[in-house]
Amino acid sequence: MRDPKRIKMICRLLEEVWSHFPQQRLGQLLSNFVFGSYGRDHHIYNKEDDEVEKILKLFTEKFNEFKELPKQEEIKQEKLFFKRFSKELRDSLKSRENNEK
């Protein structure tokens, strides 16, 4: 049985991440950052909750770091983060797939 505590944890993380992108709809946010552009690995149905939690935690940690920067630098660092995050996620997923073979 899956741990029911994961539900509140993921919902809290989702709320925090979504607060950084209030202009996006929920489906758009999930598609872009968890299952789509930046999480380009599995269909939503196949992604494990612990993977979703890791991705949301990473966003939360990074955005909290950016808040301490001057506004212009914050914007610049966020853009760089998205580029690096996308590449790192794809690399880690490829590595995991290779290990599963």
C-alpha atoms as a PDB file:
ATOM      1  CA  MET A   1       0.000   0.000   0.000  1.00  0.00           C
ATOM      2  CA  ARG A   2       1.211   3.492  -0.782  1.00  0.00           C
ATOM      3  CA  ASP A   3       1.874   5.873   2.086  1.00  0.00           C
ATOM      4  CA  PRO A   4      -1.156   8.171   2.474  1.00  0.00           C
ATOM      5  CA  LYS A   5       1.114  10.912   3.927  1.00  0.00           C
ATOM      6  CA  ARG A   6       2.493  11.491   0.424  1.00  0.00           C
ATOM      7  CA  ILE A   7      -0.758  13.173  -0.602  1.00  0.00           C
ATOM      8  CA  LYS A   8      -0.450  16.157   1.753  1.00  0.00           C
ATOM      9  CA  MET A   9       3.291  16.466   1.092  1.00  0.00           C
ATOM     10  CA  ILE A  10       2.851  16.592  -2.677  1.00  0.00           C
ATOM     11  CA  CYS A  11      -0.084  18.997  -2.387  1.00  0.00           C
ATOM     12  CA  ARG A  12       1.956  21.369  -0.197  1.00  0.00           C
ATOM     13  CA  LEU A  13       4.879  21.264  -2.626  1.00  0.00           C
ATOM     14  CA  LEU A  14       2.567  21.795  -5.579  1.00  0.00           C
ATOM     15  CA  GLU A  15       1.020  24.810  -3.859  1.00  0.00           C
ATOM     16  CA  GLU A  16       4.433  26.343  -3.264  1.00  0.00           C
ATOM     17  CA  VAL A  17       5.666  25.757  -6.827  1.00  0.00           C
ATOM     18  CA  TRP A  18       2.379  26.937  -8.348  1.00  0.00           C
ATOM     19  CA  SER A  19       2.588  30.187  -6.339  1.00  0.00           C
ATOM     20  CA  HIS A  20       5.643  31.075  -8.459  1.00  0.00           C
ATOM     21  CA  PHE A  21       3.572  30.626 -11.649  1.00  0.00           C
ATOM     22  CA  PRO A  22       0.069  31.880 -10.741  1.00  0.00           C
ATOM     23  CA  GLN A  23      -0.634  32.794 -14.365  1.00  0.00           C
ATOM     24  CA  GLN A  24      -0.540  29.103 -15.336  1.00  0.00           C
ATOM     25  CA  ARG A  25      -3.430  26.682 -15.092  1.00  0.00           C
ATOM     26  CA  LEU A  26      -2.819  23.526 -13.036  1.00  0.00           C
ATOM     27  CA  GLY A  27      -2.672  21.271 -16.089  1.00  0.00           C
ATOM     28  CA  GLN A  28      -0.331  23.685 -17.814  1.00  0.00           C
ATOM     29  CA  LEU A  29       1.971  23.818 -14.777  1.00  0.00           C
ATOM     30  CA  LEU A  30       2.095  20.026 -14.430  1.00  0.00           C
ATOM     31  CA  SER A  31       2.579  19.548 -18.145  1.00  0.00           C
ATOM     32  CA  ASN A  32       5.368  22.091 -18.351  1.00  0.00           C
ATOM     33  CA  PHE A  33       7.338  21.315 -15.222  1.00  0.00           C
ATOM     34  CA  VAL A  34       6.528  17.839 -13.966  1.00  0.00           C
ATOM     35  CA  PHE A  35       5.481  15.750 -16.951  1.00  0.00           C
ATOM     36  CA  GLY A  36       6.241  17.849 -20.010  1.00  0.00           C
ATOM     37  CA  SER A  37       8.913  20.251 -21.141  1.00  0.00           C
ATOM     38  CA  TYR A  38      11.093  19.949 -18.038  1.00  0.00           C
ATOM     39  CA  GLY A  39       9.993  16.474 -16.979  1.00  0.00           C
ATOM     40  CA  ARG A  40      10.104  14.845 -20.385  1.00  0.00           C
ATOM     41  CA  ASP A  41      10.251  11.230 -19.366  1.00  0.00           C
ATOM     42  CA  HIS A  42       6.960   9.466 -18.766  1.00  0.00           C
ATOM     43  CA  HIS A  43       3.298   9.970 -19.323  1.00  0.00           C
ATOM     44  CA  ILE A  44       1.517  11.252 -16.209  1.00  0.00           C
ATOM     45  CA  TYR A  45       0.038   7.808 -15.597  1.00  0.00           C
ATOM     46  CA  ASN A  46       3.454   6.122 -15.334  1.00  0.00           C
ATOM     47  CA  LYS A  47       5.299   8.606 -13.116  1.00  0.00           C
ATOM     48  CA  GLU A  48       5.733   7.501  -9.514  1.00  0.00           C
ATOM     49  CA  ASP A  49       4.719   9.888  -6.748  1.00  0.00           C
ATOM     50  CA  ASP A  50       8.230   9.938  -5.309  1.00  0.00           C
ATOM     51  CA  GLU A  51       9.534  11.244  -8.656  1.00  0.00           C
ATOM     52  CA  VAL A  52       6.899  13.991  -8.691  1.00  0.00           C
ATOM     53  CA  GLU A  53       7.835  14.876  -5.122  1.00  0.00           C
ATOM     54  CA  LYS A  54      11.558  15.093  -6.013  1.00  0.00           C
ATOM     55  CA  ILE A  55      10.870  17.408  -8.945  1.00  0.00           C
ATOM     56  CA  LEU A  56       8.613  19.678  -6.895  1.00  0.00           C
ATOM     57  CA  LYS A  57      11.144  19.775  -4.034  1.00  0.00           C
ATOM     58  CA  LEU A  58      13.908  20.737  -6.427  1.00  0.00           C
ATOM     59  CA  PHE A  59      11.851  23.638  -7.778  1.00  0.00           C
ATOM     60  CA  THR A  60      10.979  24.765  -4.260  1.00  0.00           C
ATOM     61  CA  GLU A  61      14.591  24.688  -3.093  1.00  0.00           C
ATOM     62  CA  LYS A  62      15.860  26.580  -6.125  1.00  0.00           C
ATOM     63  CA  PHE A  63      13.179  29.267  -5.998  1.00  0.00           C
ATOM     64  CA  ASN A  64      13.893  29.853  -2.324  1.00  0.00           C
ATOM     65  CA  GLU A  65      17.583  30.357  -3.197  1.00  0.00           C
ATOM     66  CA  PHE A  66      16.671  32.816  -5.968  1.00  0.00           C
ATOM     67  CA  LYS A  67      14.571  34.983  -3.631  1.00  0.00           C
ATOM     68  CA  GLU A  68      17.729  36.144  -1.917  1.00  0.00           C
ATOM     69  CA  LEU A  69      19.192  37.580  -5.133  1.00  0.00           C
ATOM     70  CA  PRO A  70      18.575  41.048  -6.577  1.00  0.00           C
ATOM     71  CA  LYS A  71      15.520  40.942  -8.893  1.00  0.00           C
ATOM     72  CA  GLN A  72      17.426  41.111 -12.199  1.00  0.00           C
ATOM     73  CA  GLU A  73      19.845  38.391 -11.083  1.00  0.00           C
ATOM     74  CA  GLU A  74      16.908  36.309  -9.806  1.00  0.00           C
ATOM     75  CA  ILE A  75      15.311  36.333 -13.265  1.00  0.00           C
ATOM     76  CA  LYS A  76      18.601  35.450 -14.941  1.00  0.00           C
ATOM     77  CA  GLN A  77      19.291  32.582 -12.531  1.00  0.00           C
ATOM     78  CA  GLU A  78      15.766  31.180 -12.928  1.00  0.00           C
ATOM     79  CA  LYS A  79      16.235  30.992 -16.701  1.00  0.00           C
ATOM     80  CA  LEU A  80      19.604  29.266 -16.318  1.00  0.00           C
ATOM     81  CA  PHE A  81      18.098  26.883 -13.787  1.00  0.00           C
ATOM     82  CA  PHE A  82      15.375  25.781 -16.198  1.00  0.00           C
ATOM     83  CA  LYS A  83      17.930  25.007 -18.896  1.00  0.00           C
ATOM     84  CA  ARG A  84      20.155  23.036 -16.497  1.00  0.00           C
ATOM     85  CA  PHE A  85      17.217  21.319 -14.848  1.00  0.00           C
ATOM     86  CA  SER A  86      15.860  20.095 -18.154  1.00  0.00           C
ATOM     87  CA  LYS A  87      19.229  18.635 -19.168  1.00  0.00           C
ATOM     88  CA  GLU A  88      19.929  17.084 -15.758  1.00  0.00           C
ATOM     89  CA  LEU A  89      16.504  15.491 -15.632  1.00  0.00           C
ATOM     90  CA  ARG A  90      16.857  13.979 -19.100  1.00  0.00           C
ATOM     91  CA  ASP A  91      20.378  12.702 -18.257  1.00  0.00           C
ATOM     92  CA  SER A  92      19.271  11.146 -14.975  1.00  0.00           C
ATOM     93  CA  LEU A  93      16.311   9.468 -16.640  1.00  0.00           C
ATOM     94  CA  LYS A  94      18.506   8.070 -19.402  1.00  0.00           C
ATOM     95  CA  SER A  95      20.913   6.776 -16.793  1.00  0.00           C
ATOM     96  CA  ARG A  96      18.099   5.155 -14.852  1.00  0.00           C
ATOM     97  CA  GLU A  97      16.699   3.555 -18.014  1.00  0.00           C
ATOM     98  CA  ASN A  98      20.154   2.183 -18.871  1.00  0.00           C
ATOM     99  CA  ASN A  99      20.503   0.752 -15.349  1.00  0.00           C
ATOM    100  CA  GLU A 100      17.111  -0.944 -15.626  1.00  0.00           C
ATOM    101  CA  LYS A 101      18.131  -2.768 -18.824  1.00  0.00           C
END
